Protein backbone atom coordinates (compact mmCIF):
# COMPACT_ATOMS: atom_id res chain seq x y z
CA MET A 1 1.17 -19.96 24.64
CA SER A 2 -0.14 -20.35 21.09
CA LEU A 3 1.12 -17.85 18.52
CA PRO A 4 -1.31 -15.64 16.56
CA LEU A 5 -1.88 -16.38 12.88
CA VAL A 6 -1.83 -12.68 11.93
CA SER A 7 0.30 -9.82 13.23
CA VAL A 8 -1.26 -6.40 12.58
CA VAL A 9 1.47 -3.75 12.27
CA VAL A 10 0.34 -0.15 12.86
CA PRO A 11 2.90 2.67 12.53
CA THR A 12 1.76 5.94 14.10
CA HIS A 13 2.98 9.54 14.15
CA ASN A 14 1.26 12.29 16.19
CA ARG A 15 -2.32 11.19 15.41
CA PRO A 16 -3.67 9.49 18.57
CA GLU A 17 -7.31 10.23 17.70
CA MET A 18 -6.99 8.57 14.30
CA LEU A 19 -4.96 5.76 15.84
CA ALA A 20 -7.87 5.00 18.17
CA GLU A 21 -10.23 4.73 15.18
CA ALA A 22 -7.81 2.46 13.34
CA LEU A 23 -7.36 0.15 16.32
CA ALA A 24 -11.11 0.06 16.92
CA SER A 25 -11.53 -1.20 13.34
CA VAL A 26 -9.07 -4.01 14.12
CA ARG A 27 -10.90 -4.97 17.29
CA ALA A 28 -14.15 -5.07 15.28
CA GLN A 29 -12.79 -7.85 13.04
CA THR A 30 -14.81 -11.05 12.70
CA PHE A 31 -11.47 -12.90 12.53
CA THR A 32 -9.84 -12.91 15.97
CA ASP A 33 -6.59 -14.89 15.73
CA TYR A 34 -4.32 -11.84 15.62
CA GLU A 35 -2.01 -9.60 17.64
CA ILE A 36 -1.63 -5.83 17.25
CA ILE A 37 1.76 -4.13 17.14
CA VAL A 38 1.84 -0.33 17.33
CA VAL A 39 5.12 1.42 16.50
CA SER A 40 5.46 5.07 17.53
CA ASN A 41 7.46 6.69 14.74
CA GLY A 42 9.40 9.77 15.92
CA GLU A 43 6.49 11.34 17.81
CA ASN A 44 6.83 14.29 20.17
CA ASP A 45 6.68 13.56 23.92
CA ASP A 46 3.04 14.51 24.42
CA MET A 47 1.76 12.58 21.44
CA ARG A 48 3.93 9.59 22.29
CA GLY A 49 2.28 9.35 25.67
CA GLN A 50 -1.18 9.52 24.12
CA SER A 51 -0.29 6.89 21.52
CA ARG A 52 1.07 4.59 24.22
CA ALA A 53 -2.11 4.94 26.26
CA CYS A 54 -4.26 4.34 23.18
CA ALA A 55 -2.31 1.25 22.12
CA THR A 56 -2.46 -0.18 25.64
CA SER A 57 -6.21 0.41 25.88
CA TYR A 58 -6.72 -1.72 22.75
CA GLY A 59 -4.44 -4.50 23.96
CA ALA A 60 -1.64 -3.79 21.49
CA ARG A 61 2.06 -4.41 21.96
CA TYR A 62 3.68 -0.98 21.83
CA PHE A 63 7.15 0.10 20.69
CA GLU A 64 8.81 3.50 20.31
CA LEU A 65 11.32 4.77 17.75
CA SER A 66 12.93 8.13 18.51
CA GLU A 67 13.25 8.91 14.80
CA GLY A 68 12.78 7.31 11.39
CA ASN A 69 10.02 7.10 8.83
CA VAL A 70 7.00 4.94 8.15
CA SER A 71 9.02 2.26 6.32
CA ILE A 72 11.45 1.93 9.23
CA ALA A 73 8.49 1.71 11.62
CA ARG A 74 6.77 -1.00 9.56
CA ASN A 75 9.97 -3.01 9.24
CA TYR A 76 10.57 -2.73 12.97
CA GLY A 77 7.03 -3.90 13.70
CA VAL A 78 7.44 -6.92 11.45
CA ASN A 79 10.65 -7.85 13.27
CA GLN A 80 8.63 -8.01 16.52
CA ALA A 81 5.81 -10.05 14.98
CA TYR A 82 4.92 -13.62 15.96
CA GLY A 83 2.31 -14.24 13.27
CA GLU A 84 2.60 -16.30 10.09
CA TRP A 85 0.92 -13.42 8.25
CA ILE A 86 1.57 -9.68 8.46
CA ALA A 87 -1.31 -7.25 7.96
CA PHE A 88 -0.48 -3.55 7.63
CA LEU A 89 -2.74 -0.72 8.80
CA ASP A 90 -1.68 2.93 8.72
CA ASP A 91 -2.91 4.93 11.71
CA ASP A 92 -5.27 7.06 9.58
CA ASP A 93 -6.94 4.17 7.71
CA LEU A 94 -9.80 1.85 8.67
CA TRP A 95 -10.71 -1.79 7.99
CA ALA A 96 -14.10 -3.28 7.24
CA PRO A 97 -15.06 -5.87 9.91
CA THR A 98 -14.63 -8.85 7.55
CA LYS A 99 -11.26 -7.83 6.06
CA LEU A 100 -9.01 -10.35 7.78
CA GLU A 101 -11.59 -13.13 7.58
CA ARG A 102 -12.04 -12.70 3.81
CA GLN A 103 -8.35 -12.35 3.06
CA ILE A 104 -7.20 -15.31 5.15
CA ALA A 105 -9.92 -17.44 3.55
CA GLU A 106 -8.73 -16.42 0.07
CA ALA A 107 -5.11 -17.03 1.02
CA ARG A 108 -6.00 -20.57 2.07
CA ARG A 109 -8.07 -21.14 -1.05
CA THR A 110 -5.52 -19.80 -3.54
CA GLY A 111 -2.20 -20.43 -1.78
CA ALA A 112 -1.22 -16.82 -2.47
CA ASP A 113 1.68 -15.18 -0.65
CA MET A 114 0.07 -11.71 -0.62
CA VAL A 115 -3.62 -10.81 -0.65
CA SER A 116 -4.98 -7.32 -1.40
CA CYS A 117 -8.50 -5.93 -1.80
CA ASP A 118 -10.65 -3.09 -3.15
CA TYR A 119 -10.91 0.06 -1.06
CA VAL A 120 -12.67 3.41 -0.62
CA GLU A 121 -10.80 6.71 -0.55
CA PHE A 122 -12.65 9.05 1.81
CA TYR A 123 -12.38 12.77 2.64
CA SER A 124 -13.37 14.95 5.60
CA ASP A 125 -15.97 16.74 3.45
CA GLY A 126 -17.85 13.45 2.94
CA ARG A 127 -16.59 12.63 -0.54
CA GLU A 128 -15.81 8.99 -1.26
CA ILE A 129 -14.09 7.42 -4.28
CA VAL A 130 -14.23 3.66 -4.79
CA HIS A 131 -11.08 2.00 -6.10
CA ARG A 132 -11.23 -1.43 -7.71
CA PRO A 133 -7.69 -2.20 -8.93
CA ARG A 134 -7.65 -5.06 -11.41
CA PHE A 135 -4.88 -7.08 -12.98
CA THR A 136 -5.24 -6.79 -16.74
CA ASP A 137 -5.93 -10.03 -18.61
CA GLY A 138 -2.87 -11.17 -20.53
CA LEU A 139 -0.49 -9.01 -18.51
CA SER A 140 1.73 -10.67 -15.89
CA ARG A 141 1.50 -9.54 -12.27
CA ILE A 142 5.10 -8.34 -12.44
CA LYS A 143 4.60 -6.21 -15.54
CA ALA A 144 1.25 -4.84 -14.37
CA ILE A 145 2.81 -3.57 -11.13
CA SER A 146 5.95 -2.20 -12.83
CA LEU A 147 3.83 -0.28 -15.35
CA LEU A 148 1.43 0.94 -12.61
CA HIS A 149 -1.48 -0.83 -14.30
CA TRP A 150 -2.22 -2.15 -10.79
CA TRP A 151 -1.62 -0.42 -7.48
CA SER A 152 -2.77 -0.65 -3.87
CA PRO A 153 -2.01 1.26 -0.66
CA THR A 154 -0.28 -0.50 2.21
CA SER A 155 -3.34 -0.94 4.43
CA VAL A 156 -4.99 -3.34 1.98
CA ALA A 157 -2.28 -5.98 2.19
CA ILE A 158 -1.66 -9.15 4.13
CA ILE A 159 1.66 -10.88 3.40
CA ARG A 160 3.29 -14.07 4.60
CA LYS A 161 5.99 -13.04 7.07
CA ALA A 162 8.49 -15.42 5.47
CA VAL A 163 7.91 -13.74 2.10
CA PHE A 164 8.28 -10.27 3.61
CA ASP A 165 11.56 -11.29 5.21
CA GLN A 166 12.84 -12.84 1.97
CA THR A 167 11.91 -9.71 0.01
CA GLY A 168 13.87 -7.44 2.33
CA GLY A 169 11.21 -5.17 3.82
CA PHE A 170 10.15 -1.66 2.85
CA ASP A 171 12.87 0.61 1.45
CA PRO A 172 13.28 3.51 3.95
CA ARG A 173 14.94 5.64 1.25
CA LEU A 174 11.58 6.05 -0.51
CA TRP A 175 9.27 8.71 0.97
CA SER A 176 6.44 7.45 -1.26
CA CYS A 177 6.14 4.50 -3.66
CA GLU A 178 7.52 2.30 -0.87
CA ASP A 179 4.40 0.14 -1.03
CA MET A 180 4.48 -0.28 -4.82
CA ASP A 181 8.21 -1.00 -4.58
CA MET A 182 7.46 -3.76 -2.08
CA TRP A 183 4.62 -5.27 -4.18
CA ARG A 184 6.90 -5.15 -7.24
CA ARG A 185 9.66 -7.07 -5.48
CA ILE A 186 7.20 -9.59 -4.03
CA SER A 187 5.77 -10.22 -7.51
CA TRP A 188 9.17 -11.33 -8.83
CA ARG A 189 8.98 -14.77 -7.22
CA HIS A 190 5.70 -14.93 -5.28
CA SER A 191 1.96 -14.95 -5.98
CA ILE A 192 -0.44 -12.06 -5.39
CA HIS A 193 -4.21 -12.47 -5.17
CA HIS A 194 -6.73 -9.62 -5.18
CA VAL A 195 -10.08 -9.87 -3.36
CA LYS A 196 -12.81 -8.04 -5.27
CA ASP A 197 -14.50 -6.69 -2.15
CA ILE A 198 -14.19 -3.25 -0.54
CA LEU A 199 -12.47 -4.08 2.75
CA MET A 200 -10.48 -0.92 3.58
CA ARG A 201 -11.15 2.81 3.97
CA TYR A 202 -8.22 5.00 2.89
CA ARG A 203 -8.24 8.46 4.49
CA GLN A 204 -7.33 11.37 2.21
CA GLY A 205 -7.53 15.17 2.34
CA HIS A 206 -4.39 15.92 4.31
CA ALA A 207 -2.80 19.37 3.94
CA SER A 208 -0.53 20.67 1.16
CA LYS A 209 -1.74 18.43 -1.65
CA VAL A 210 0.14 20.32 -4.39
CA GLN A 211 3.52 20.21 -2.65
CA GLN A 212 2.88 16.62 -1.60
CA LYS A 213 2.14 15.78 -5.24
CA ARG A 214 5.45 17.30 -6.39
CA ARG A 215 7.27 15.28 -3.76
CA CYS A 216 5.48 12.12 -4.93
CA TYR A 217 6.60 12.73 -8.50
CA ARG A 218 10.22 13.15 -7.34
CA ASN A 219 9.98 9.88 -5.45
CA GLU A 220 8.51 8.16 -8.49
CA LEU A 221 11.65 9.18 -10.40
CA GLN A 222 13.75 7.76 -7.57
CA HIS A 223 11.72 4.55 -7.72
CA PHE A 224 12.12 4.41 -11.52
CA ARG A 225 15.89 4.46 -11.10
CA LYS A 226 15.67 1.83 -8.36
CA MET A 227 13.65 -0.46 -10.65
CA TYR A 228 16.47 -0.44 -13.19
CA ASP A 229 19.07 -0.98 -10.45
CA ASP A 230 17.50 -3.93 -8.61
CA THR A 231 15.27 -5.82 -11.06
CA PRO A 232 16.78 -9.24 -11.91
CA GLN A 233 18.13 -9.52 -15.43
CA ASP A 234 15.56 -12.09 -16.47
CA LEU A 235 12.71 -9.71 -15.49
CA ARG A 236 13.97 -6.43 -16.94
CA TRP A 237 11.56 -6.81 -19.86
CA THR A 238 8.76 -5.91 -17.42
CA LEU A 239 10.07 -2.38 -16.76
CA PRO A 240 8.52 0.80 -18.19
CA THR A 241 10.48 2.76 -20.78
CA ALA A 242 11.98 6.15 -19.99
CA VAL A 243 10.03 7.68 -22.90
CA ALA A 244 6.71 6.66 -21.36
CA PHE A 245 7.59 7.17 -17.70
CA LEU A 246 9.64 10.34 -17.41
CA PRO A 247 7.77 13.17 -19.24
CA PRO A 248 4.61 13.28 -17.09
CA ARG A 249 6.67 13.14 -13.87
CA LEU A 250 8.97 15.93 -14.98
CA LEU A 251 5.95 18.03 -15.92
CA GLY A 252 4.49 17.32 -12.49
CA ILE A 253 7.69 18.43 -10.75
CA TYR A 254 8.38 21.59 -12.74
CA GLY A 255 4.90 22.58 -13.91
CA PRO A 256 3.01 25.58 -12.41
CA ASP A 257 0.99 25.25 -9.21
CA TRP A 258 -2.34 25.66 -11.05
CA PHE A 259 -1.46 22.68 -13.24
CA LEU A 260 -0.61 20.54 -10.20
CA ALA A 261 -3.81 21.61 -8.45
CA LEU A 262 -5.78 20.57 -11.53
CA CYS A 263 -3.99 17.20 -11.60
CA VAL A 264 -4.81 16.61 -7.93
CA ARG A 265 -8.47 17.30 -8.69
CA ILE A 266 -9.04 15.42 -11.95
CA ARG A 267 -6.49 12.60 -11.33
CA PRO A 268 -5.29 12.29 -14.95
CA ARG A 269 -2.86 9.49 -14.22
CA ALA A 270 -5.58 7.30 -12.75
CA GLN A 271 -7.76 7.98 -15.78
CA TRP A 272 -4.85 7.23 -18.12
CA ILE A 273 -4.13 3.94 -16.35
CA LYS A 274 -7.78 2.92 -16.70
CA PHE A 275 -7.68 3.81 -20.40
CA ARG A 276 -4.51 1.77 -20.91
CA GLN A 277 -6.07 -1.21 -19.15
CA TRP A 278 -9.16 -0.93 -21.36
CA LEU A 279 -7.04 -0.56 -24.50
CA TRP A 280 -4.85 -3.53 -23.57
CA THR A 281 -7.88 -5.74 -22.91
CA ARG A 282 -9.56 -4.67 -26.17
CA THR A 283 -6.38 -5.30 -28.16
CA ARG A 284 -6.02 -8.78 -26.66
CA LYS A 285 -9.63 -9.61 -27.54
CA ASN A 286 -9.16 -8.40 -31.11
CA GLN A 287 -6.04 -10.55 -31.47
CA LYS A 288 -7.88 -13.54 -30.03
CA TYR A 289 -10.77 -13.29 -32.48
CA GLY A 290 -8.68 -12.09 -35.42
CA THR A 291 -10.46 -8.73 -35.84
């Protein structure tokens, strides 16, 4: 039996209807040399049965974890994978039909170890926000990721399994930031290529956005500490300073609810990152032309 080139790892938790949509988007791929691995992540009995039936109906290999979190589920799925490449898809996200075809083609063309892409954030009320993350000219991949000049959700990525294994998998101690933590560690010694096409739909609009935002800020502080603990000595120059990183997170954690609600709506951090990217690029151009 020939092994698949790509293993698609799909963690799921009590969302069988969304899981069916996600798996349908995999089966709609123009690239067909793949397997699907669904990992049930601490679901209740009723939902577990529905997820199992859904996974089976789409020809997926199905595994169950009695407890854990999404990072544990992803890592477990990768351990079961036969493919040379790992593609991640959360159970509430969707792929464009050409996603795997485009990314595998770019991986072959560039020799990259990880390939990401542009994506659309979509809401139940019909709103859509296009995200086109870009690596800033003159800024290394490692520094861009450490400073959050570049970011991408998990469902955009395909990664060589050997590189994933060498990097050590997702950190289950992180409730959020686990994807950026993984990309950061991959960037230390491996190449990342970004496809400038919208190939993923990222579902948003889940409940309790304000409290979820506070929890995200707390996890960003945890990730900040982890960066200083695990970054190799020769790469510590890439890390953000405490003066720049800590104040907005502390304000996000301890600020009033109305302030957090406003932040969720206007997305100041995303706007600030875009401004910093623009300023960095402009400064580099001025230095180049001596203005």
